[in-house]
Amino acid sequence: MHEKTLLTDDEIDRVSGGVLQSTEHTVMISSSNFDSFIHSAENVAVMFGACWCGPCHMMSETSERFAAKNQHASVGFVDVDEPSNQKLTDALGINAIPAIFYYKNGVLSDRTAGVVPLERMERAFQ
């Protein structure tokens, strides 16, 4: 049985209050800093979503928990509704949210769409 890392009420409020925002364990990214972010650590997960998206709210909590539990991975959020991110989401073929792209040493190694469990996120970097 896996031990769960629980978020404090404060952390959950920050995440659920506006899905795509920087928190203690995650960072908001955009097309302007995307490339540098995916090269900023050996393991990087990037969630693409929107504030109006119910499943994105669910995945933001899972992503925050993943980031808190896995210090070896950096986790970022991209708001697909932000006009400046449109070229990025088009180039990556984002057609469903939430979508999570997993990078190892700056190279795309895996991707998921929809709500996935914490264990699935962890498997991406094993």
Protein backbone atom coordinates (compact mmCIF):
# COMPACT_ATOMS: atom_id res chain seq x y z
CA MET A 1 0.00 0.00 0.00
CA HIS A 2 1.35 3.44 -0.95
CA GLU A 3 1.64 6.16 1.66
CA LYS A 4 -0.25 9.26 0.56
CA THR A 5 1.11 12.74 0.91
CA LEU A 6 -1.77 14.86 2.08
CA LEU A 7 -2.12 18.51 1.23
CA THR A 8 -2.93 21.04 3.89
CA ASP A 9 -6.29 22.80 3.68
CA ASP A 10 -4.38 25.92 2.64
CA GLU A 11 -2.73 24.11 -0.28
CA ILE A 12 -6.01 22.57 -1.43
CA ASP A 13 -7.70 25.98 -1.28
CA ARG A 14 -4.93 27.50 -3.43
CA VAL A 15 -5.20 24.73 -6.00
CA SER A 16 -8.99 24.52 -6.14
CA GLY A 17 -9.36 28.29 -6.12
CA GLY A 18 -7.75 28.67 -9.51
CA VAL A 19 -6.50 25.44 -10.97
CA LEU A 20 -3.63 26.92 -12.88
CA GLN A 21 -1.52 28.91 -10.50
CA SER A 22 1.83 28.60 -8.84
CA THR A 23 1.86 26.87 -5.46
CA GLU A 24 4.52 25.74 -3.04
CA HIS A 25 5.29 22.70 -5.20
CA THR A 26 4.25 23.71 -8.71
CA VAL A 27 4.80 26.61 -11.08
CA MET A 28 2.71 28.38 -13.69
CA ILE A 29 4.39 28.26 -17.08
CA SER A 30 3.61 29.73 -20.47
CA SER A 31 4.86 29.55 -24.02
CA SER A 32 7.57 32.08 -23.16
CA ASN A 33 9.23 29.90 -20.51
CA PHE A 34 8.06 26.42 -21.59
CA ASP A 35 11.31 25.34 -23.25
CA SER A 36 13.50 26.45 -20.35
CA PHE A 37 11.11 24.79 -17.88
CA ILE A 38 11.17 21.37 -19.55
CA HIS A 39 14.98 21.52 -19.43
CA SER A 40 15.10 22.75 -15.82
CA ALA A 41 15.18 19.28 -14.21
CA GLU A 42 15.74 15.67 -15.20
CA ASN A 43 12.03 14.87 -14.71
CA VAL A 44 9.35 17.41 -15.62
CA ALA A 45 5.57 17.06 -15.80
CA VAL A 46 3.50 19.76 -17.52
CA MET A 47 -0.27 19.81 -17.09
CA PHE A 48 -2.33 21.61 -19.72
CA GLY A 49 -5.75 22.71 -18.49
CA ALA A 50 -8.21 25.52 -17.87
CA CYS A 51 -9.86 27.07 -14.82
CA TRP A 52 -13.38 26.18 -16.04
CA CYS A 53 -12.51 22.49 -16.47
CA GLY A 54 -13.80 20.22 -13.68
CA PRO A 55 -11.43 17.32 -14.45
CA CYS A 56 -8.55 19.84 -14.49
CA HIS A 57 -9.44 20.80 -10.91
CA MET A 58 -9.26 17.13 -9.95
CA MET A 59 -5.91 16.67 -11.71
CA SER A 60 -4.46 19.85 -10.24
CA GLU A 61 -4.85 18.37 -6.77
CA THR A 62 -3.25 15.10 -7.92
CA SER A 63 -0.44 17.03 -9.64
CA GLU A 64 0.17 19.07 -6.50
CA ARG A 65 0.29 15.89 -4.43
CA PHE A 66 2.67 14.33 -6.98
CA ALA A 67 4.96 17.37 -6.84
CA ALA A 68 4.97 17.38 -3.02
CA LYS A 69 5.77 13.67 -2.90
CA ASN A 70 8.35 13.56 -5.72
CA GLN A 71 11.07 16.10 -5.06
CA HIS A 72 12.99 14.73 -8.09
CA ALA A 73 10.35 16.07 -10.49
CA SER A 74 9.31 19.60 -11.43
CA VAL A 75 5.62 20.19 -12.15
CA GLY A 76 4.14 23.07 -14.10
CA PHE A 77 0.75 24.19 -15.37
CA VAL A 78 -0.13 25.77 -18.72
CA ASP A 79 -3.45 27.59 -19.09
CA VAL A 80 -4.77 26.60 -22.52
CA ASP A 81 -7.17 29.55 -22.54
CA GLU A 82 -4.37 32.10 -22.33
CA PRO A 83 -4.06 33.55 -25.87
CA SER A 84 -0.27 33.68 -25.65
CA ASN A 85 -0.22 29.87 -25.15
CA GLN A 86 -2.26 29.08 -28.28
CA LYS A 87 0.73 28.41 -30.55
CA LEU A 88 2.27 26.11 -27.92
CA THR A 89 -0.90 24.06 -27.43
CA ASP A 90 -1.41 23.86 -31.20
CA ALA A 91 2.18 22.74 -31.77
CA LEU A 92 1.85 20.02 -29.12
CA GLY A 93 -1.51 18.87 -30.44
CA ILE A 94 -3.41 19.48 -27.22
CA ASN A 95 -6.99 18.56 -28.08
CA ALA A 96 -8.27 17.32 -24.71
CA ILE A 97 -7.70 18.56 -21.18
CA PRO A 98 -6.39 17.87 -18.71
CA ALA A 99 -3.34 16.62 -20.57
CA ILE A 100 -0.03 15.91 -18.88
CA PHE A 101 3.21 15.71 -20.80
CA TYR A 102 6.19 14.04 -19.09
CA TYR A 103 9.73 15.02 -20.03
CA LYS A 104 13.01 13.29 -19.18
CA ASN A 105 16.05 15.46 -19.77
CA GLY A 106 13.97 17.80 -21.94
CA VAL A 107 12.62 15.03 -24.20
CA LEU A 108 8.95 14.03 -24.23
CA SER A 109 8.81 10.52 -22.75
CA ASP A 110 5.11 9.99 -22.00
CA ARG A 111 1.74 11.72 -21.98
CA THR A 112 -1.65 11.20 -20.41
CA ALA A 113 -5.08 12.72 -20.99
CA GLY A 114 -7.99 12.94 -18.62
CA VAL A 115 -7.99 12.22 -14.92
CA VAL A 116 -5.26 9.75 -13.96
CA PRO A 117 -4.27 8.46 -10.52
CA LEU A 118 -1.13 9.56 -8.71
CA GLU A 119 0.43 6.15 -9.35
CA ARG A 120 0.12 6.66 -13.11
CA MET A 121 1.96 9.97 -12.87
CA GLU A 122 4.72 8.32 -10.85
CA ARG A 123 5.06 5.48 -13.39
CA ALA A 124 5.98 8.04 -16.05
CA PHE A 125 9.34 8.59 -14.34
CA GLN A 126 10.23 5.04 -13.30
